[in-house]
N, C-alpha and C. Protein backbone atom coordinates (compact mmCIF):
# COMPACT_ATOMS: atom_id res chain seq x y z
N MET A 1 -20.25 3.78 6.50
CA MET A 1 -19.57 4.68 5.79
C MET A 1 -19.01 4.30 4.76
N GLY A 2 -19.01 4.69 3.36
CA GLY A 2 -18.51 4.22 2.20
C GLY A 2 -16.85 4.84 2.10
N LEU A 3 -16.28 3.88 1.60
CA LEU A 3 -14.63 3.89 1.61
C LEU A 3 -13.84 5.35 1.03
N THR A 4 -14.86 6.03 0.16
CA THR A 4 -14.71 7.52 -0.17
C THR A 4 -14.57 8.55 0.98
N ARG A 5 -15.38 8.26 1.70
CA ARG A 5 -15.98 8.99 2.71
C ARG A 5 -15.12 8.49 4.09
N THR A 6 -14.79 7.43 4.35
CA THR A 6 -13.78 7.07 5.00
C THR A 6 -12.23 7.24 4.96
N VAL A 7 -11.82 7.34 3.47
CA VAL A 7 -10.67 7.99 3.16
C VAL A 7 -10.73 9.42 3.45
N ALA A 8 -11.58 10.20 3.24
CA ALA A 8 -11.99 11.57 3.13
C ALA A 8 -11.50 11.91 4.72
N ASN A 9 -12.14 11.20 5.49
CA ASN A 9 -12.35 11.57 7.26
C ASN A 9 -10.59 11.83 7.57
N ASN A 10 -10.46 10.16 7.09
CA ASN A 10 -9.11 9.89 7.77
C ASN A 10 -7.79 10.55 7.26
N VAL A 11 -7.70 11.22 6.05
CA VAL A 11 -6.66 12.11 5.47
C VAL A 11 -6.96 13.36 6.23
N ARG A 12 -8.27 13.75 6.33
CA ARG A 12 -8.33 15.16 6.87
C ARG A 12 -7.61 14.95 8.77
N ALA A 13 -8.31 14.13 9.31
CA ALA A 13 -7.68 13.75 10.39
C ALA A 13 -6.43 13.69 10.90
N ALA A 14 -5.60 12.99 9.61
CA ALA A 14 -4.28 12.80 10.09
C ALA A 14 -3.74 14.26 9.57
N ARG A 15 -4.33 14.76 8.57
CA ARG A 15 -3.32 16.06 8.17
C ARG A 15 -3.23 17.17 9.63
N ALA A 16 -4.31 17.02 10.28
CA ALA A 16 -4.82 17.94 11.32
C ALA A 16 -3.82 17.20 12.63
N ARG A 17 -3.62 16.22 12.91
CA ARG A 17 -2.68 15.99 13.99
C ARG A 17 -1.35 16.06 13.43
N ALA A 18 -1.29 16.08 12.16
CA ALA A 18 0.38 16.00 11.97
C ALA A 18 0.80 18.05 11.82
N GLY A 19 -0.65 18.71 11.87
CA GLY A 19 -0.53 19.91 11.81
C GLY A 19 -0.20 20.68 10.62
N LEU A 20 -0.51 19.83 9.67
CA LEU A 20 -0.06 20.66 8.26
C LEU A 20 -1.11 21.39 7.41
N SER A 21 -0.76 22.19 6.72
CA SER A 21 -2.25 22.74 5.86
C SER A 21 -1.92 22.08 4.39
N LEU A 22 -3.31 22.32 3.90
CA LEU A 22 -3.69 21.13 2.39
C LEU A 22 -2.25 21.95 1.51
N ASP A 23 -1.42 22.87 1.67
CA ASP A 23 -0.44 23.21 0.64
C ASP A 23 0.49 22.87 1.38
N GLU A 24 1.20 22.80 2.44
CA GLU A 24 1.99 22.08 2.97
C GLU A 24 2.28 20.35 2.81
N LEU A 25 0.97 19.79 3.14
CA LEU A 25 0.67 18.28 2.51
C LEU A 25 1.02 18.22 1.13
N SER A 26 0.45 19.02 0.29
CA SER A 26 0.64 19.05 -0.79
C SER A 26 2.04 18.82 -1.68
N ARG A 27 2.47 19.70 -0.92
CA ARG A 27 4.33 20.05 -1.49
C ARG A 27 4.93 18.64 -0.80
N ARG A 28 4.72 18.37 0.30
CA ARG A 28 5.54 17.16 0.92
C ARG A 28 4.96 15.85 -0.04
N ALA A 29 3.94 15.94 0.05
CA ALA A 29 3.40 14.19 -0.87
C ALA A 29 3.59 14.55 -2.28
N GLN A 30 4.00 15.48 -2.80
CA GLN A 30 3.96 15.68 -4.29
C GLN A 30 2.46 15.28 -4.88
N VAL A 31 1.55 15.86 -4.25
CA VAL A 31 -0.54 15.69 -4.68
C VAL A 31 -0.48 17.21 -4.73
N SER A 32 -1.42 17.15 -5.84
CA SER A 32 -1.95 18.47 -6.15
C SER A 32 -2.92 18.84 -5.34
N LYS A 33 -2.89 20.34 -5.07
CA LYS A 33 -3.88 20.70 -3.57
C LYS A 33 -5.12 20.59 -4.37
N GLY A 34 -5.39 20.47 -5.61
CA GLY A 34 -6.84 20.32 -5.76
C GLY A 34 -7.44 18.84 -5.59
N ALA A 35 -6.24 17.81 -6.17
CA ALA A 35 -6.69 16.21 -5.73
C ALA A 35 -6.69 15.99 -4.12
N LEU A 36 -6.11 17.04 -3.41
CA LEU A 36 -6.31 16.76 -1.64
C LEU A 36 -7.65 17.35 -1.39
N VAL A 37 -8.13 18.51 -2.05
CA VAL A 37 -9.38 18.85 -1.70
C VAL A 37 -10.52 18.59 -2.33
N GLY A 38 -10.22 17.49 -3.15
CA GLY A 38 -11.44 16.81 -3.86
C GLY A 38 -11.43 15.35 -2.93
N LEU A 39 -10.02 14.95 -2.72
CA LEU A 39 -10.18 13.65 -1.61
C LEU A 39 -10.56 14.05 -0.24
N GLU A 40 -10.29 15.12 0.43
CA GLU A 40 -10.66 15.69 1.66
C GLU A 40 -12.68 15.77 1.91
N LYS A 41 -13.00 15.90 0.39
CA LYS A 41 -14.50 16.70 0.69
C LYS A 41 -15.08 15.01 -0.23
N ALA A 42 -14.36 13.76 -0.42
CA ALA A 42 -14.67 12.69 -0.57
C ALA A 42 -15.53 12.49 -2.11
N GLN A 43 -14.34 13.36 -2.76
CA GLN A 43 -14.87 13.28 -4.16
C GLN A 43 -13.93 12.81 -4.95
N GLY A 44 -13.81 11.89 -5.68
CA GLY A 44 -13.28 11.39 -6.69
C GLY A 44 -12.46 10.01 -6.19
N ASN A 45 -11.71 9.30 -6.86
CA ASN A 45 -11.15 8.04 -6.42
C ASN A 45 -9.72 7.95 -6.72
N PRO A 46 -9.08 8.35 -5.37
CA PRO A 46 -7.44 8.97 -5.52
C PRO A 46 -6.92 6.88 -6.00
N ASN A 47 -5.77 6.93 -6.69
CA ASN A 47 -5.02 5.76 -6.98
C ASN A 47 -4.13 5.53 -5.73
N LEU A 48 -3.57 4.16 -5.71
CA LEU A 48 -2.96 3.58 -5.00
C LEU A 48 -1.56 4.95 -4.48
N ALA A 49 -0.89 5.02 -5.75
CA ALA A 49 0.35 5.80 -5.73
C ALA A 49 0.27 7.19 -4.94
N THR A 50 -1.26 7.66 -4.92
CA THR A 50 -1.63 8.94 -4.37
C THR A 50 -1.70 8.33 -2.77
N LEU A 51 -2.14 7.66 -2.68
CA LEU A 51 -2.32 7.09 -1.22
C LEU A 51 -1.11 6.68 -0.39
N VAL A 52 -0.26 5.91 -1.22
CA VAL A 52 1.06 5.42 -0.86
C VAL A 52 2.03 6.73 -0.18
N ARG A 53 2.00 8.04 -1.51
CA ARG A 53 2.80 9.00 -0.93
C ARG A 53 1.93 10.00 0.05
N LEU A 54 0.73 10.07 0.31
CA LEU A 54 0.29 10.43 1.72
C LEU A 54 0.32 9.92 2.90
N ALA A 55 0.13 8.35 2.75
CA ALA A 55 0.46 7.81 4.22
C ALA A 55 1.84 7.91 4.26
N ASP A 56 2.90 7.61 3.72
CA ASP A 56 4.21 8.06 3.93
C ASP A 56 4.63 9.21 4.48
N THR A 57 3.97 10.18 3.71
CA THR A 57 4.17 11.65 4.25
C THR A 57 3.13 11.88 5.57
N LEU A 58 2.51 11.29 6.05
CA LEU A 58 1.72 11.45 7.32
C LEU A 58 2.24 10.64 8.50
N GLY A 59 2.99 9.54 7.98
CA GLY A 59 3.76 8.76 8.73
C GLY A 59 2.79 7.44 9.34
N ILE A 60 1.69 7.10 8.28
CA ILE A 60 0.68 6.45 8.80
C ILE A 60 0.93 5.12 7.60
N SER A 61 -0.05 3.92 7.79
CA SER A 61 0.09 2.95 6.73
C SER A 61 -1.05 3.60 5.64
N VAL A 62 -1.22 2.60 4.64
CA VAL A 62 -1.97 2.99 3.58
C VAL A 62 -3.52 2.51 3.84
N SER A 63 -3.50 1.49 4.81
CA SER A 63 -4.86 0.95 4.98
C SER A 63 -5.52 2.07 6.21
N ALA A 64 -4.32 2.47 7.25
CA ALA A 64 -5.30 3.32 7.88
C ALA A 64 -5.93 4.50 7.33
N LEU A 65 -5.55 4.71 6.24
CA LEU A 65 -6.18 5.99 5.36
C LEU A 65 -7.92 5.46 5.04
N MET A 66 -7.62 4.01 4.95
CA MET A 66 -8.59 3.29 4.17
C MET A 66 -9.68 2.62 5.38
N GLN A 67 -9.11 2.42 6.59
CA GLN A 67 -10.17 1.48 7.34
C GLN A 67 -11.14 2.62 8.54
N GLY A 68 -12.35 2.01 8.84
CA GLY A 68 -12.65 2.78 9.63
C GLY A 68 -12.72 2.03 10.83
N PRO A 69 -13.76 2.49 11.91
CA PRO A 69 -13.02 1.82 13.45
C PRO A 69 -13.17 0.55 13.45
N ALA A 70 -12.32 0.09 14.61
CA ALA A 70 -12.07 -1.08 14.74
C ALA A 70 -14.05 -2.33 14.70
N GLU A 71 -13.83 -3.31 14.58
CA GLU A 71 -15.23 -4.00 15.00
C GLU A 71 -15.39 -4.80 15.82
N GLY A 72 -14.18 -5.25 16.29
CA GLY A 72 -14.01 -6.46 17.52
C GLY A 72 -12.65 -6.73 17.26
N ARG A 73 -12.90 -8.18 18.44
CA ARG A 73 -11.08 -8.43 18.72
C ARG A 73 -10.95 -9.33 17.49
N VAL A 74 -11.49 -10.08 16.62
CA VAL A 74 -11.21 -10.74 15.38
C VAL A 74 -11.69 -10.08 14.21
N ARG A 75 -11.17 -9.90 13.16
CA ARG A 75 -11.32 -9.25 11.96
C ARG A 75 -11.31 -10.28 10.65
N VAL A 76 -12.15 -10.72 10.35
CA VAL A 76 -11.67 -11.77 8.96
C VAL A 76 -11.97 -10.85 7.55
N VAL A 77 -11.09 -10.94 6.72
CA VAL A 77 -11.60 -10.24 5.59
C VAL A 77 -11.41 -11.19 4.49
N ALA A 78 -12.39 -11.42 3.45
CA ALA A 78 -12.41 -11.95 2.51
C ALA A 78 -11.87 -11.90 1.17
N ALA A 79 -11.03 -11.92 0.13
CA ALA A 79 -10.06 -11.16 -0.78
C ALA A 79 -11.38 -10.76 -1.52
N ASP A 80 -12.60 -11.19 -1.70
CA ASP A 80 -13.46 -10.65 -2.75
C ASP A 80 -14.40 -9.90 -2.15
N ALA A 81 -14.23 -9.37 -0.81
CA ALA A 81 -14.70 -8.17 -0.19
C ALA A 81 -13.72 -7.23 -0.06
N VAL A 82 -12.70 -7.10 -0.64
CA VAL A 82 -11.78 -5.56 -1.01
C VAL A 82 -11.18 -5.59 -2.51
N ALA A 83 -12.04 -4.37 -2.65
CA ALA A 83 -11.43 -3.93 -4.20
C ALA A 83 -10.00 -3.87 -4.30
N PRO A 84 -9.36 -4.25 -5.74
CA PRO A 84 -7.81 -4.12 -5.71
C PRO A 84 -7.63 -2.80 -5.90
N LEU A 85 -6.65 -2.07 -4.97
CA LEU A 85 -6.20 -1.12 -5.24
C LEU A 85 -5.29 -0.82 -6.47
N ARG A 86 -4.85 -1.62 -6.88
CA ARG A 86 -3.47 -1.95 -7.95
C ARG A 86 -4.31 -2.64 -8.96
N THR A 87 -4.20 -2.52 -10.26
CA THR A 87 -4.87 -3.10 -11.31
C THR A 87 -3.41 -3.07 -12.51
N GLY A 88 -3.34 -4.18 -13.24
CA GLY A 88 -2.76 -3.66 -14.41
C GLY A 88 -3.36 -3.80 -15.81
N PRO A 89 -2.71 -3.63 -17.11
CA PRO A 89 -3.59 -4.17 -17.97
C PRO A 89 -3.79 -5.28 -18.63
N ARG A 90 -2.82 -6.51 -18.07
CA ARG A 90 -3.08 -7.64 -18.17
C ARG A 90 -3.69 -8.53 -17.19
N GLY A 91 -4.05 -7.83 -15.92
CA GLY A 91 -5.33 -8.40 -15.23
C GLY A 91 -4.50 -8.69 -13.81
N SER A 92 -3.15 -8.05 -13.72
CA SER A 92 -2.30 -7.86 -12.39
C SER A 92 -3.51 -7.31 -11.55
N GLU A 93 -3.41 -7.79 -10.16
CA GLU A 93 -3.77 -6.74 -9.03
C GLU A 93 -3.53 -6.96 -7.75
N ALA A 94 -3.52 -5.79 -7.04
CA ALA A 94 -3.15 -5.74 -5.39
C ALA A 94 -4.24 -5.54 -4.51
N ARG A 95 -4.55 -6.22 -3.58
CA ARG A 95 -5.46 -5.90 -3.08
C ARG A 95 -5.02 -5.77 -1.15
N LEU A 96 -5.14 -4.79 -0.48
CA LEU A 96 -4.90 -4.62 0.65
C LEU A 96 -5.55 -4.88 1.39
N MET A 97 -5.45 -6.32 2.30
CA MET A 97 -6.39 -6.97 2.93
C MET A 97 -6.85 -6.42 4.15
N LEU A 98 -5.75 -5.98 5.08
CA LEU A 98 -6.23 -5.11 6.40
C LEU A 98 -4.49 -4.82 6.95
N THR A 99 -4.54 -4.44 8.05
CA THR A 99 -3.58 -3.78 8.43
C THR A 99 -3.63 -4.08 9.92
N ALA A 100 -2.32 -5.05 10.47
CA ALA A 100 -2.59 -5.61 11.58
C ALA A 100 -2.20 -4.55 12.60
N SER A 101 -2.82 -3.86 13.09
CA SER A 101 -2.42 -2.28 14.01
C SER A 101 -1.63 -2.54 15.45
N GLY A 102 -0.97 -1.54 15.98
CA GLY A 102 0.04 -1.71 16.94
C GLY A 102 1.00 -0.43 16.90
N PRO A 103 2.13 -0.55 17.49
CA PRO A 103 2.87 0.33 17.84
C PRO A 103 4.26 0.64 16.63
N ALA A 104 4.03 -0.68 15.75
CA ALA A 104 4.60 -0.68 14.49
C ALA A 104 3.40 -1.76 13.51
N PRO A 105 2.53 -0.64 12.62
CA PRO A 105 1.67 -1.78 11.84
C PRO A 105 2.29 -2.63 10.58
N VAL A 106 1.28 -3.48 10.60
CA VAL A 106 1.94 -4.25 9.36
C VAL A 106 0.42 -4.38 8.32
N GLU A 107 0.87 -4.15 7.00
CA GLU A 107 0.21 -4.19 6.28
C GLU A 107 -0.01 -5.53 5.56
N VAL A 108 -1.12 -6.38 5.15
CA VAL A 108 -1.08 -7.51 4.40
C VAL A 108 -1.47 -7.22 3.03
N TRP A 109 -0.98 -7.71 1.77
CA TRP A 109 -1.47 -7.57 0.82
C TRP A 109 -1.47 -8.90 0.05
N ARG A 110 -2.24 -9.15 -0.71
CA ARG A 110 -2.61 -10.19 -1.44
C ARG A 110 -2.65 -9.79 -3.09
N TRP A 111 -1.54 -10.29 -3.93
CA TRP A 111 -1.52 -9.88 -5.08
C TRP A 111 -1.61 -11.24 -6.30
N ARG A 112 -1.52 -10.81 -7.48
CA ARG A 112 -1.56 -11.46 -8.74
C ARG A 112 -0.92 -10.85 -9.64
N LEU A 113 0.44 -11.22 -10.03
CA LEU A 113 0.99 -11.21 -11.17
C LEU A 113 0.96 -11.37 -12.22
N GLU A 114 0.65 -11.08 -13.43
CA GLU A 114 0.47 -11.76 -14.63
C GLU A 114 1.68 -12.07 -15.26
N PRO A 115 1.98 -12.87 -16.32
CA PRO A 115 3.45 -13.11 -17.01
C PRO A 115 3.96 -11.42 -17.38
N GLY A 116 5.12 -11.27 -17.43
CA GLY A 116 5.60 -9.79 -17.97
C GLY A 116 4.79 -8.68 -17.30
N GLU A 117 4.02 -8.58 -16.63
CA GLU A 117 3.33 -7.44 -16.05
C GLU A 117 4.23 -6.55 -15.03
N GLU A 118 4.55 -5.65 -14.99
CA GLU A 118 5.55 -5.11 -13.93
C GLU A 118 4.64 -4.00 -13.02
N CYS A 119 5.07 -3.80 -12.04
CA CYS A 119 4.32 -3.02 -11.07
C CYS A 119 5.40 -2.27 -10.24
N PRO A 120 5.87 -1.14 -10.56
CA PRO A 120 7.09 -0.01 -9.80
C PRO A 120 6.19 0.06 -8.79
N SER A 121 7.29 0.28 -7.89
CA SER A 121 7.17 1.53 -6.53
C SER A 121 8.02 2.27 -6.29
N HIS A 122 7.33 3.53 -5.68
CA HIS A 122 8.59 4.45 -5.31
C HIS A 122 9.04 4.13 -3.94
N PRO A 123 10.35 4.71 -3.86
CA PRO A 123 10.75 4.41 -2.12
C PRO A 123 9.61 4.79 -1.07
N HIS A 124 9.55 3.80 -0.24
CA HIS A 124 9.22 4.22 1.01
C HIS A 124 9.57 5.16 2.02
N GLN A 125 8.95 5.64 3.01
CA GLN A 125 9.73 6.33 4.26
C GLN A 125 11.02 5.04 4.88
N ALA A 126 11.87 5.82 5.50
CA ALA A 126 12.56 4.98 6.15
C ALA A 126 12.33 4.27 7.10
N GLY A 127 12.89 2.48 7.02
CA GLY A 127 12.43 1.94 8.25
C GLY A 127 11.01 0.79 7.60
N VAL A 128 10.73 1.24 6.55
CA VAL A 128 9.83 0.19 6.07
C VAL A 128 10.37 -1.22 5.51
N VAL A 129 9.80 -2.17 5.85
CA VAL A 129 10.15 -3.45 5.63
C VAL A 129 9.30 -4.21 4.53
N GLU A 130 9.31 -4.53 3.31
CA GLU A 130 8.61 -5.43 2.88
C GLU A 130 8.75 -6.99 2.84
N THR A 131 7.81 -8.13 2.55
CA THR A 131 8.46 -9.61 3.09
C THR A 131 7.33 -9.98 1.89
N ILE A 132 8.11 -10.64 1.01
CA ILE A 132 7.06 -11.18 -0.11
C ILE A 132 7.17 -12.73 -0.19
N SER A 133 5.98 -13.48 -0.03
CA SER A 133 6.11 -15.00 0.08
C SER A 133 5.15 -15.44 -1.06
N VAL A 134 5.93 -16.00 -2.20
CA VAL A 134 5.20 -16.33 -3.41
C VAL A 134 4.43 -17.77 -2.95
N THR A 135 3.02 -17.68 -3.40
CA THR A 135 2.34 -19.17 -3.38
C THR A 135 2.16 -19.62 -4.31
N TYR A 136 2.25 -19.31 -5.32
CA TYR A 136 1.93 -20.10 -6.80
C TYR A 136 3.07 -18.98 -8.09
N GLY A 137 3.91 -19.99 -8.57
CA GLY A 137 4.24 -19.31 -9.70
C GLY A 137 5.44 -18.74 -9.37
N ARG A 138 5.91 -17.65 -10.35
CA ARG A 138 7.53 -17.24 -10.15
C ARG A 138 7.09 -15.55 -10.49
N MET A 139 8.30 -14.83 -9.91
CA MET A 139 8.18 -13.41 -10.24
C MET A 139 9.77 -12.94 -10.20
N ALA A 140 9.78 -11.27 -10.35
CA ALA A 140 10.98 -11.17 -10.53
C ALA A 140 11.08 -10.13 -9.71
N LEU A 141 11.82 -9.93 -8.67
CA LEU A 141 11.91 -8.84 -7.51
C LEU A 141 12.92 -7.85 -8.07
N VAL A 142 12.82 -6.40 -8.33
CA VAL A 142 13.87 -5.68 -8.35
C VAL A 142 13.95 -4.77 -7.33
N VAL A 143 15.14 -4.49 -6.63
CA VAL A 143 15.36 -3.43 -5.84
C VAL A 143 16.74 -2.43 -6.16
N ASP A 144 16.23 -1.66 -6.33
CA ASP A 144 17.31 -0.57 -6.35
C ASP A 144 18.39 -0.97 -7.66
N GLY A 145 17.35 -1.58 -8.64
CA GLY A 145 18.25 -2.13 -9.80
C GLY A 145 18.69 -3.60 -9.65
N ALA A 146 18.70 -4.50 -8.97
CA ALA A 146 19.06 -5.35 -8.85
C ALA A 146 18.13 -6.83 -8.89
N GLU A 147 17.79 -7.51 -9.88
CA GLU A 147 16.95 -8.56 -10.01
C GLU A 147 17.02 -9.51 -9.17
N HIS A 148 15.92 -10.32 -8.36
CA HIS A 148 16.24 -11.32 -7.93
C HIS A 148 14.70 -12.31 -8.23
N THR A 149 15.10 -13.72 -8.58
CA THR A 149 14.00 -14.58 -8.78
C THR A 149 13.43 -15.13 -7.39
N VAL A 150 12.00 -15.01 -7.53
CA VAL A 150 11.38 -15.25 -6.25
C VAL A 150 10.38 -16.57 -6.72
N GLU A 151 10.32 -17.92 -6.24
CA GLU A 151 9.54 -18.93 -6.60
C GLU A 151 8.50 -19.32 -5.69
N ALA A 152 7.36 -20.22 -5.96
CA ALA A 152 6.69 -20.61 -4.83
C ALA A 152 7.33 -21.35 -4.02
N GLY A 153 6.82 -21.02 -2.60
CA GLY A 153 7.63 -21.64 -1.57
C GLY A 153 8.57 -20.70 -1.28
N GLN A 154 9.15 -19.68 -1.83
CA GLN A 154 10.28 -18.93 -1.37
C GLN A 154 9.69 -17.39 -0.93
N THR A 155 10.56 -16.83 0.08
CA THR A 155 10.04 -15.58 0.58
C THR A 155 11.36 -14.80 0.24
N ALA A 156 10.98 -13.49 -0.03
CA ALA A 156 11.80 -12.50 0.09
C ALA A 156 11.68 -11.41 1.21
N THR A 157 12.78 -10.86 1.64
CA THR A 157 12.38 -9.60 2.45
C THR A 157 13.51 -8.12 2.02
N PHE A 158 12.52 -7.19 2.20
CA PHE A 158 13.98 -6.05 1.87
C PHE A 158 13.67 -4.68 2.27
N ASP A 159 14.13 -3.79 2.51
CA ASP A 159 14.06 -2.38 2.84
C ASP A 159 13.10 -1.81 2.06
N GLY A 160 12.46 -1.28 1.95
CA GLY A 160 11.34 -0.45 1.18
C GLY A 160 11.43 0.85 0.85
N ASP A 161 12.98 1.24 1.30
CA ASP A 161 13.29 2.37 1.12
C ASP A 161 14.30 3.30 -0.45
N ALA A 162 14.08 1.70 -1.08
CA ALA A 162 14.92 1.86 -2.33
C ALA A 162 13.70 1.85 -3.11
N PRO A 163 13.86 2.46 -4.49
CA PRO A 163 12.83 1.83 -5.89
C PRO A 163 13.33 0.15 -5.84
N HIS A 164 11.63 -0.02 -6.11
CA HIS A 164 11.36 -1.84 -6.40
C HIS A 164 10.42 -1.84 -7.39
N THR A 165 10.22 -2.83 -7.65
CA THR A 165 9.49 -3.19 -8.95
C THR A 165 9.03 -4.57 -8.79
N TYR A 166 7.80 -5.09 -8.70
CA TYR A 166 7.27 -6.57 -9.14
C TYR A 166 6.91 -6.84 -10.54
N ARG A 167 7.41 -7.88 -10.69
CA ARG A 167 7.01 -8.45 -12.31
C ARG A 167 7.05 -9.92 -12.15
N GLY A 168 5.69 -10.20 -13.13
CA GLY A 168 5.25 -11.69 -13.33
C GLY A 168 6.19 -12.12 -14.30
N SER A 169 6.98 -13.22 -13.75
CA SER A 169 8.07 -13.91 -14.64
C SER A 169 8.17 -15.10 -15.04
N GLY A 170 7.06 -16.05 -14.55
CA GLY A 170 6.69 -17.42 -14.74
C GLY A 170 5.67 -17.47 -16.49
N ALA A 171 5.28 -18.59 -16.79
CA ALA A 171 4.20 -18.79 -17.88
C ALA A 171 2.97 -18.74 -17.50
N GLU A 172 2.63 -18.56 -15.90
CA GLU A 172 1.38 -18.49 -15.62
C GLU A 172 1.48 -17.24 -14.56
N ALA A 173 0.24 -16.96 -14.11
CA ALA A 173 -0.04 -15.73 -13.01
C ALA A 173 1.24 -16.33 -11.91
N CYS A 174 1.60 -15.32 -11.07
CA CYS A 174 2.33 -15.61 -10.06
C CYS A 174 1.08 -14.76 -8.71
N HIS A 175 1.27 -15.61 -7.78
CA HIS A 175 0.46 -15.55 -6.30
C HIS A 175 1.23 -14.86 -5.43
N LEU A 176 0.98 -13.95 -4.62
CA LEU A 176 2.20 -13.66 -3.52
C LEU A 176 1.20 -13.23 -2.38
N ILE A 177 1.60 -13.21 -1.24
CA ILE A 177 1.30 -12.35 0.06
C ILE A 177 2.37 -11.82 0.27
N MET A 178 2.05 -10.43 0.36
CA MET A 178 2.97 -9.56 0.67
C MET A 178 2.88 -8.56 1.96
N THR A 179 3.88 -8.65 2.90
CA THR A 179 3.15 -7.54 4.31
C THR A 179 4.48 -6.40 4.20
N VAL A 180 3.89 -5.40 4.71
CA VAL A 180 4.56 -4.02 4.60
C VAL A 180 4.61 -3.76 5.94
N HIS A 181 6.11 -4.01 6.53
CA HIS A 181 6.13 -3.64 7.90
C HIS A 181 6.32 -2.24 8.17
N LEU A 182 5.62 -1.20 8.94
CA LEU A 182 5.96 -0.04 8.94
C LEU A 182 6.59 0.23 10.03
N PRO A 183 7.41 1.73 10.08
CA PRO A 183 8.20 1.87 11.56
C PRO A 183 7.37 2.47 12.31
N PRO A 184 7.74 2.10 13.76
CA PRO A 184 6.90 2.57 14.99
C PRO A 184 7.22 4.10 15.05
N GLY A 185 6.05 4.61 15.23
CA GLY A 185 6.43 6.10 15.46
C GLY A 185 5.16 6.50 16.07
N PRO A 186 5.44 8.02 16.75
CA PRO A 186 3.79 8.79 17.36
C PRO A 186 2.96 8.98 16.39
N ALA A 187 3.53 8.72 15.01
CA ALA A 187 1.90 9.31 14.18
C ALA A 187 1.35 7.87 13.69
N THR A 188 2.03 6.80 13.87
CA THR A 188 1.25 5.56 13.62
C THR A 188 0.06 5.32 14.30
N THR A 189 -0.99 4.91 13.94
CA THR A 189 -2.30 4.63 14.70
C THR A 189 -3.22 3.35 14.23
């Protein structure tokens, strides 16, 4: 099953589990009804911001919207097997590698931030915690207006329910692993 069809099936199923109409999901997620209809028909290519808004509204992880059925006890994912969900004009990219399932799922992302390139993120649902481990280079992490430098070998964590931005701040690309810890809840699967 292709990614577009998987996302369509997962959005439709999550919306049904939540008991939401297309109109209500559109209103709550701030995504046009036309875009939702197209998404559920596996037409078009939703951007990361749309997927994040839908996942937050439905109380599930972004990767829960993107993953098909489990393939076994161990899942190995190569970076080049996953298309970037976010790309920047200077070459920055973010790849959602996988989600560790359970009562409180954890998304694992691999990022490359080019110097000076910013990637803003809207606030997530309450209870989301992000952890960033820089493996190469340096970045600026801006959370709720306060800027923090995170360099190779350092890890930062913060509550994701505030506006936040990631920015490459060194002379070379910054490489990092980000985990997004989602709150436990009945809607997370």
